[in-house]
Amino acid sequence: MANTYELSDGTRLKKSTIDRLVKECKDRVSQAVINDQGYLVCEDCRRNDCQPVERSHNISVDMCQKLGVTEYAYADENITHRGQPCHKIYDSKPNRDLINKLLARLKPNSNQF
């Protein structure tokens, strides 16, 4: 099926559905942080001047789709608020231990990085 991606249980979702679910997830996670602490701050460095704060995937949507764990693209625990400088650093050298830990929780018998 074109433009569909596999979930860990074998079902498939259209790319348009995945995109909508990712947006809803990011909005939900951001709103929860705002409700709790009143504002967004970089979760990596905790500095208020690490701006702008972006909603970053720990495991990219593309990687989730390629690994067959597409539902993780819109899982709350896969979203971290990072200031743009920290986001660029994270994207240049992702934390493989964190990624493997997150994948193990989602799909215990998966091959990890």
C-alpha atoms as a PDB file:
ATOM      1  CA  MET A   1       0.000   0.000   0.000  1.00  0.00           C
ATOM      2  CA  ALA A   2       1.432   3.329  -1.049  1.00  0.00           C
ATOM      3  CA  ASN A   3       1.878   6.021   1.603  1.00  0.00           C
ATOM      4  CA  THR A   4       1.070   3.703   4.499  1.00  0.00           C
ATOM      5  CA  TYR A   5       3.368   2.684   7.313  1.00  0.00           C
ATOM      6  CA  GLU A   6       3.378  -0.281   9.665  1.00  0.00           C
ATOM      7  CA  LEU A   7       2.674  -0.198  13.385  1.00  0.00           C
ATOM      8  CA  SER A   8       4.275  -2.732  15.728  1.00  0.00           C
ATOM      9  CA  ASP A   9       1.092  -4.858  15.669  1.00  0.00           C
ATOM     10  CA  GLY A  10       1.193  -5.118  11.860  1.00  0.00           C
ATOM     11  CA  THR A  11      -1.631  -2.701  11.103  1.00  0.00           C
ATOM     12  CA  ARG A  12      -0.932   0.179   8.738  1.00  0.00           C
ATOM     13  CA  LEU A  13      -1.697   3.909   8.814  1.00  0.00           C
ATOM     14  CA  LYS A  14      -1.848   6.463   6.020  1.00  0.00           C
ATOM     15  CA  LYS A  15       0.846   9.141   6.079  1.00  0.00           C
ATOM     16  CA  SER A  16      -1.827  11.839   6.409  1.00  0.00           C
ATOM     17  CA  THR A  17      -3.144  10.132   9.561  1.00  0.00           C
ATOM     18  CA  ILE A  18       0.368   9.860  10.999  1.00  0.00           C
ATOM     19  CA  ASP A  19       1.001  13.558  10.338  1.00  0.00           C
ATOM     20  CA  ARG A  20      -2.242  14.501  12.105  1.00  0.00           C
ATOM     21  CA  LEU A  21      -1.458  12.267  15.098  1.00  0.00           C
ATOM     22  CA  VAL A  22       2.076  13.715  15.373  1.00  0.00           C
ATOM     23  CA  LYS A  23       0.698  17.262  15.439  1.00  0.00           C
ATOM     24  CA  GLU A  24      -1.902  16.329  18.064  1.00  0.00           C
ATOM     25  CA  CYS A  25       0.807  14.662  20.172  1.00  0.00           C
ATOM     26  CA  LYS A  26       3.118  17.673  20.015  1.00  0.00           C
ATOM     27  CA  ASP A  27       0.245  20.012  20.914  1.00  0.00           C
ATOM     28  CA  ARG A  28      -0.809  17.771  23.835  1.00  0.00           C
ATOM     29  CA  VAL A  29       2.727  17.477  25.235  1.00  0.00           C
ATOM     30  CA  SER A  30       3.387  21.217  24.927  1.00  0.00           C
ATOM     31  CA  GLN A  31       0.080  22.115  26.557  1.00  0.00           C
ATOM     32  CA  ALA A  32       0.771  19.749  29.467  1.00  0.00           C
ATOM     33  CA  VAL A  33       4.127  21.458  30.109  1.00  0.00           C
ATOM     34  CA  ILE A  34       2.562  24.918  29.869  1.00  0.00           C
ATOM     35  CA  ASN A  35      -0.212  23.869  32.260  1.00  0.00           C
ATOM     36  CA  ASP A  36       2.374  22.493  34.698  1.00  0.00           C
ATOM     37  CA  GLN A  37       5.080  25.167  34.657  1.00  0.00           C
ATOM     38  CA  GLY A  38       3.572  28.059  32.721  1.00  0.00           C
ATOM     39  CA  TYR A  39       6.060  28.128  29.833  1.00  0.00           C
ATOM     40  CA  LEU A  40       8.298  25.964  27.642  1.00  0.00           C
ATOM     41  CA  VAL A  41      12.008  25.613  28.358  1.00  0.00           C
ATOM     42  CA  CYS A  42      14.727  23.490  26.773  1.00  0.00           C
ATOM     43  CA  GLU A  43      14.638  20.118  28.544  1.00  0.00           C
ATOM     44  CA  ASP A  44      18.278  19.416  27.675  1.00  0.00           C
ATOM     45  CA  CYS A  45      20.049  22.473  29.112  1.00  0.00           C
ATOM     46  CA  ARG A  46      17.156  23.956  31.183  1.00  0.00           C
ATOM     47  CA  ARG A  47      18.214  27.484  30.117  1.00  0.00           C
ATOM     48  CA  ASN A  48      15.579  30.112  29.426  1.00  0.00           C
ATOM     49  CA  ASP A  49      17.761  31.712  26.750  1.00  0.00           C
ATOM     50  CA  CYS A  50      17.984  28.533  24.644  1.00  0.00           C
ATOM     51  CA  GLN A  51      15.417  29.760  22.140  1.00  0.00           C
ATOM     52  CA  PRO A  52      13.281  29.197  20.238  1.00  0.00           C
ATOM     53  CA  VAL A  53      12.024  26.072  21.981  1.00  0.00           C
ATOM     54  CA  GLU A  54      11.087  23.402  19.457  1.00  0.00           C
ATOM     55  CA  ARG A  55       9.194  20.156  19.828  1.00  0.00           C
ATOM     56  CA  SER A  56      11.787  17.532  18.977  1.00  0.00           C
ATOM     57  CA  HIS A  57      11.400  13.814  18.332  1.00  0.00           C
ATOM     58  CA  ASN A  58      13.869  11.615  20.219  1.00  0.00           C
ATOM     59  CA  ILE A  59      13.408   9.051  17.455  1.00  0.00           C
ATOM     60  CA  SER A  60      12.501  10.712  14.155  1.00  0.00           C
ATOM     61  CA  VAL A  61       9.189  10.063  12.451  1.00  0.00           C
ATOM     62  CA  ASP A  62      11.129   8.671   9.488  1.00  0.00           C
ATOM     63  CA  MET A  63      13.035   6.215  11.699  1.00  0.00           C
ATOM     64  CA  CYS A  64       9.841   5.098  13.473  1.00  0.00           C
ATOM     65  CA  GLN A  65       8.241   4.405  10.102  1.00  0.00           C
ATOM     66  CA  LYS A  66      11.302   2.522   8.796  1.00  0.00           C
ATOM     67  CA  LEU A  67      11.505   0.393  11.964  1.00  0.00           C
ATOM     68  CA  GLY A  68       7.825  -0.564  11.809  1.00  0.00           C
ATOM     69  CA  VAL A  69       6.990   1.190  15.086  1.00  0.00           C
ATOM     70  CA  THR A  70       5.114   4.083  13.523  1.00  0.00           C
ATOM     71  CA  GLU A  71       2.966   4.597  16.627  1.00  0.00           C
ATOM     72  CA  TYR A  72       6.063   5.814  18.434  1.00  0.00           C
ATOM     73  CA  ALA A  73       6.149   8.860  16.126  1.00  0.00           C
ATOM     74  CA  TYR A  74       3.098  10.144  18.013  1.00  0.00           C
ATOM     75  CA  ALA A  75       3.923   8.798  21.496  1.00  0.00           C
ATOM     76  CA  ASP A  76       4.212  11.465  24.195  1.00  0.00           C
ATOM     77  CA  GLU A  77       7.491  10.046  25.540  1.00  0.00           C
ATOM     78  CA  ASN A  78       9.092  10.496  22.118  1.00  0.00           C
ATOM     79  CA  ILE A  79       8.711  14.301  22.262  1.00  0.00           C
ATOM     80  CA  THR A  80      11.240  16.532  24.036  1.00  0.00           C
ATOM     81  CA  HIS A  81      11.215  20.323  24.142  1.00  0.00           C
ATOM     82  CA  ARG A  82      14.622  21.509  22.960  1.00  0.00           C
ATOM     83  CA  GLY A  83      15.903  24.986  22.305  1.00  0.00           C
ATOM     84  CA  GLN A  84      17.067  25.347  18.726  1.00  0.00           C
ATOM     85  CA  PRO A  85      20.795  25.223  19.649  1.00  0.00           C
ATOM     86  CA  CYS A  86      20.307  22.019  21.673  1.00  0.00           C
ATOM     87  CA  HIS A  87      18.043  20.571  18.983  1.00  0.00           C
ATOM     88  CA  LYS A  88      20.797  21.030  16.380  1.00  0.00           C
ATOM     89  CA  ILE A  89      23.311  19.333  18.687  1.00  0.00           C
ATOM     90  CA  TYR A  90      20.916  16.437  19.359  1.00  0.00           C
ATOM     91  CA  ASP A  91      20.204  15.939  15.665  1.00  0.00           C
ATOM     92  CA  SER A  92      23.923  15.925  14.866  1.00  0.00           C
ATOM     93  CA  LYS A  93      24.638  13.114  17.341  1.00  0.00           C
ATOM     94  CA  PRO A  94      21.528  11.389  18.685  1.00  0.00           C
ATOM     95  CA  ASN A  95      21.782   9.596  22.010  1.00  0.00           C
ATOM     96  CA  ARG A  96      21.782   5.947  20.938  1.00  0.00           C
ATOM     97  CA  ASP A  97      21.296   4.736  24.523  1.00  0.00           C
ATOM     98  CA  LEU A  98      18.138   6.833  24.890  1.00  0.00           C
ATOM     99  CA  ILE A  99      16.839   5.676  21.521  1.00  0.00           C
ATOM    100  CA  ASN A 100      17.461   2.013  22.365  1.00  0.00           C
ATOM    101  CA  LYS A 101      15.801   2.412  25.774  1.00  0.00           C
ATOM    102  CA  LEU A 102      12.722   4.006  24.212  1.00  0.00           C
ATOM    103  CA  LEU A 103      12.512   1.366  21.483  1.00  0.00           C
ATOM    104  CA  ALA A 104      12.888  -1.457  24.013  1.00  0.00           C
ATOM    105  CA  ARG A 105       9.889  -0.146  25.953  1.00  0.00           C
ATOM    106  CA  LEU A 106       7.785   0.011  22.820  1.00  0.00           C
ATOM    107  CA  LYS A 107       8.895  -3.164  21.084  1.00  0.00           C
ATOM    108  CA  PRO A 108      10.746  -5.408  23.571  1.00  0.00           C
ATOM    109  CA  ASN A 109      12.001  -7.956  21.022  1.00  0.00           C
ATOM    110  CA  SER A 110      13.107  -5.471  18.361  1.00  0.00           C
ATOM    111  CA  ASN A 111      16.583  -5.182  16.949  1.00  0.00           C
ATOM    112  CA  GLN A 112      18.081  -2.047  18.393  1.00  0.00           C
ATOM    113  CA  PHE A 113      20.716   0.252  16.945  1.00  0.00           C
END
